Amino acid sequence: MLKWERGVNVSKYDPNRSTPFNDATEHKQKIEGYPSGGGGRMPLLISLIGYFIFGGIFLMLIMAVCTAIFLE
């Protein structure tokens, strides 16, 4: 239900609100800002290092499981 005061909608659920609801949202909008969205890609070197590290961990886990199964 929408509340009206002096001809102005004061409901916090108004989707067409142009002013912040309280000081916290105003701070978020003006000082911290909102994320721009899509972002970007990681640099190639960092991606390759990540693939190498996570690939190595995955291979070590597979080798540990195979060792535990076949050497007992």
N, C-alpha and C. Protein backbone atom coordinates (compact mmCIF):
# COMPACT_ATOMS: atom_id res chain seq x y z
N MET A 1 0.84 -1.17 0.00
CA MET A 1 0.00 0.00 0.00
C MET A 1 0.89 1.24 0.00
N LEU A 2 0.59 2.17 -0.84
CA LEU A 2 1.37 3.40 -0.93
C LEU A 2 0.87 4.43 0.06
N LYS A 3 1.79 5.14 0.70
CA LYS A 3 1.43 6.20 1.62
C LYS A 3 1.71 7.54 0.93
N TRP A 4 0.83 8.48 1.15
CA TRP A 4 1.01 9.81 0.56
C TRP A 4 1.07 10.84 1.67
N GLU A 5 2.05 11.73 1.56
CA GLU A 5 2.18 12.84 2.49
C GLU A 5 2.38 14.11 1.68
N ARG A 6 1.51 15.05 1.83
CA ARG A 6 1.58 16.33 1.10
C ARG A 6 1.71 16.11 -0.41
N GLY A 7 1.02 15.12 -0.92
CA GLY A 7 1.02 14.88 -2.36
C GLY A 7 2.25 14.17 -2.88
N VAL A 8 3.13 13.69 -1.98
CA VAL A 8 4.35 13.01 -2.38
C VAL A 8 4.30 11.58 -1.87
N ASN A 9 4.63 10.63 -2.73
CA ASN A 9 4.66 9.23 -2.33
C ASN A 9 5.86 8.99 -1.44
N VAL A 10 5.65 8.50 -0.20
CA VAL A 10 6.75 8.28 0.73
C VAL A 10 6.98 6.80 0.99
N SER A 11 6.44 5.95 0.18
CA SER A 11 6.64 4.51 0.37
C SER A 11 8.04 4.12 -0.06
N LYS A 12 8.68 3.23 0.72
CA LYS A 12 10.03 2.80 0.36
C LYS A 12 10.00 1.78 -0.78
N TYR A 13 8.82 1.31 -1.17
CA TYR A 13 8.72 0.32 -2.24
C TYR A 13 8.36 0.95 -3.58
N ASP A 14 8.46 2.23 -3.71
CA ASP A 14 8.13 2.91 -4.96
C ASP A 14 9.24 2.66 -5.97
N PRO A 15 8.96 1.98 -7.08
CA PRO A 15 10.02 1.71 -8.06
C PRO A 15 10.49 2.94 -8.81
N ASN A 16 9.70 4.02 -8.80
CA ASN A 16 10.06 5.23 -9.53
C ASN A 16 10.74 6.25 -8.63
N ARG A 17 11.19 5.84 -7.46
CA ARG A 17 11.81 6.76 -6.50
C ARG A 17 13.12 7.28 -7.07
N SER A 18 13.30 8.59 -7.03
CA SER A 18 14.55 9.19 -7.51
C SER A 18 15.43 9.65 -6.36
N THR A 19 14.85 9.77 -5.17
CA THR A 19 15.64 10.17 -4.01
C THR A 19 15.92 8.94 -3.15
N PRO A 20 17.05 8.91 -2.44
CA PRO A 20 17.37 7.76 -1.61
C PRO A 20 16.38 7.61 -0.46
N PHE A 21 16.17 6.37 -0.02
CA PHE A 21 15.22 6.10 1.06
C PHE A 21 15.77 6.55 2.42
N ASN A 22 17.06 6.34 2.65
CA ASN A 22 17.66 6.76 3.91
C ASN A 22 19.12 7.10 3.69
N ASP A 23 19.83 7.42 4.76
CA ASP A 23 21.23 7.84 4.65
C ASP A 23 22.13 6.72 4.15
N ALA A 24 21.81 5.49 4.52
CA ALA A 24 22.66 4.37 4.10
C ALA A 24 22.62 4.18 2.59
N THR A 25 21.44 4.25 2.01
CA THR A 25 21.37 4.09 0.55
C THR A 25 21.97 5.29 -0.17
N GLU A 26 21.83 6.48 0.43
CA GLU A 26 22.46 7.66 -0.18
C GLU A 26 23.98 7.51 -0.16
N HIS A 27 24.52 7.01 0.95
CA HIS A 27 25.96 6.79 1.04
C HIS A 27 26.40 5.77 0.00
N LYS A 28 25.64 4.71 -0.15
CA LYS A 28 25.97 3.67 -1.14
C LYS A 28 25.98 4.26 -2.55
N GLN A 29 25.01 5.11 -2.85
CA GLN A 29 24.92 5.67 -4.20
C GLN A 29 26.02 6.69 -4.47
N LYS A 30 26.29 7.57 -3.50
CA LYS A 30 27.20 8.68 -3.78
C LYS A 30 28.66 8.36 -3.47
N ILE A 31 28.94 7.69 -2.36
CA ILE A 31 30.32 7.49 -1.93
C ILE A 31 30.89 6.18 -2.46
N GLU A 32 30.20 5.09 -2.18
CA GLU A 32 30.73 3.78 -2.58
C GLU A 32 30.47 3.49 -4.05
N GLY A 33 29.33 3.89 -4.54
CA GLY A 33 28.97 3.63 -5.91
C GLY A 33 28.48 2.21 -6.13
N TYR A 34 27.91 1.98 -7.27
CA TYR A 34 27.43 0.66 -7.62
C TYR A 34 28.39 0.03 -8.61
N PRO A 35 28.50 -1.31 -8.63
CA PRO A 35 29.38 -1.94 -9.61
C PRO A 35 28.88 -1.67 -11.03
N SER A 36 29.82 -1.57 -11.94
CA SER A 36 29.45 -1.22 -13.31
C SER A 36 28.88 -2.39 -14.09
N GLY A 37 29.01 -3.60 -13.57
CA GLY A 37 28.37 -4.72 -14.24
C GLY A 37 29.35 -5.72 -14.79
N GLY A 38 29.43 -5.77 -16.11
CA GLY A 38 30.14 -6.83 -16.81
C GLY A 38 31.57 -7.10 -16.38
N GLY A 39 32.28 -6.09 -15.98
CA GLY A 39 33.67 -6.29 -15.62
C GLY A 39 34.51 -6.54 -16.86
N GLY A 40 35.52 -7.33 -16.70
CA GLY A 40 36.40 -7.61 -17.82
C GLY A 40 37.02 -8.97 -17.68
N ARG A 41 37.97 -9.25 -18.54
CA ARG A 41 38.66 -10.53 -18.50
C ARG A 41 39.91 -10.42 -17.65
N MET A 42 40.32 -11.56 -17.10
CA MET A 42 41.58 -11.61 -16.36
C MET A 42 42.73 -11.54 -17.37
N PRO A 43 43.85 -10.97 -17.00
CA PRO A 43 45.01 -10.99 -17.88
C PRO A 43 45.44 -12.43 -18.16
N LEU A 44 46.03 -12.67 -19.33
CA LEU A 44 46.37 -14.02 -19.76
C LEU A 44 47.34 -14.69 -18.80
N LEU A 45 48.33 -13.99 -18.30
CA LEU A 45 49.31 -14.59 -17.40
C LEU A 45 48.66 -15.09 -16.11
N ILE A 46 47.78 -14.27 -15.54
CA ILE A 46 47.10 -14.68 -14.31
C ILE A 46 46.18 -15.87 -14.58
N SER A 47 45.51 -15.88 -15.72
CA SER A 47 44.66 -17.02 -16.08
C SER A 47 45.47 -18.30 -16.22
N LEU A 48 46.64 -18.22 -16.87
CA LEU A 48 47.47 -19.40 -17.05
C LEU A 48 48.00 -19.92 -15.71
N ILE A 49 48.38 -19.01 -14.83
CA ILE A 49 48.84 -19.42 -13.51
C ILE A 49 47.71 -20.11 -12.75
N GLY A 50 46.51 -19.59 -12.83
CA GLY A 50 45.36 -20.20 -12.18
C GLY A 50 45.06 -21.57 -12.73
N TYR A 51 45.09 -21.71 -14.06
CA TYR A 51 44.86 -23.02 -14.67
C TYR A 51 45.93 -24.02 -14.22
N PHE A 52 47.17 -23.58 -14.17
CA PHE A 52 48.26 -24.46 -13.76
C PHE A 52 48.10 -24.92 -12.31
N ILE A 53 47.79 -23.98 -11.42
CA ILE A 53 47.65 -24.32 -10.00
C ILE A 53 46.46 -25.24 -9.78
N PHE A 54 45.29 -24.87 -10.30
CA PHE A 54 44.10 -25.70 -10.08
C PHE A 54 44.19 -27.03 -10.82
N GLY A 55 44.81 -27.04 -11.99
CA GLY A 55 45.03 -28.29 -12.70
C GLY A 55 45.96 -29.21 -11.93
N GLY A 56 47.01 -28.64 -11.35
CA GLY A 56 47.94 -29.43 -10.54
C GLY A 56 47.26 -30.01 -9.31
N ILE A 57 46.45 -29.21 -8.66
CA ILE A 57 45.73 -29.71 -7.48
C ILE A 57 44.79 -30.84 -7.88
N PHE A 58 44.08 -30.67 -8.99
CA PHE A 58 43.16 -31.71 -9.46
C PHE A 58 43.92 -33.00 -9.79
N LEU A 59 45.05 -32.89 -10.48
CA LEU A 59 45.84 -34.09 -10.80
C LEU A 59 46.39 -34.76 -9.55
N MET A 60 46.82 -33.98 -8.57
CA MET A 60 47.31 -34.58 -7.32
C MET A 60 46.20 -35.31 -6.58
N LEU A 61 45.00 -34.77 -6.60
CA LEU A 61 43.87 -35.45 -5.96
C LEU A 61 43.56 -36.77 -6.66
N ILE A 62 43.58 -36.76 -7.98
CA ILE A 62 43.32 -38.00 -8.73
C ILE A 62 44.41 -39.03 -8.43
N MET A 63 45.67 -38.59 -8.42
CA MET A 63 46.76 -39.52 -8.11
C MET A 63 46.66 -40.06 -6.69
N ALA A 64 46.26 -39.22 -5.73
CA ALA A 64 46.11 -39.67 -4.34
C ALA A 64 45.00 -40.70 -4.22
N VAL A 65 43.89 -40.49 -4.90
CA VAL A 65 42.79 -41.46 -4.85
C VAL A 65 43.22 -42.77 -5.49
N CYS A 66 43.86 -42.68 -6.66
CA CYS A 66 44.32 -43.92 -7.34
C CYS A 66 45.34 -44.66 -6.48
N THR A 67 46.25 -43.93 -5.84
CA THR A 67 47.25 -44.56 -4.98
C THR A 67 46.58 -45.24 -3.79
N ALA A 68 45.60 -44.57 -3.20
CA ALA A 68 44.92 -45.14 -2.04
C ALA A 68 44.14 -46.39 -2.43
N ILE A 69 43.60 -46.43 -3.63
CA ILE A 69 42.79 -47.59 -4.06
C ILE A 69 43.71 -48.78 -4.42
N PHE A 70 44.74 -48.51 -5.22
CA PHE A 70 45.51 -49.60 -5.79
C PHE A 70 46.68 -50.08 -4.94
N LEU A 71 47.14 -49.31 -3.98
CA LEU A 71 48.28 -49.72 -3.18
C LEU A 71 47.92 -50.25 -1.81
N GLU A 72 46.67 -50.42 -1.54
CA GLU A 72 46.27 -50.98 -0.23
C GLU A 72 46.00 -52.45 -0.32
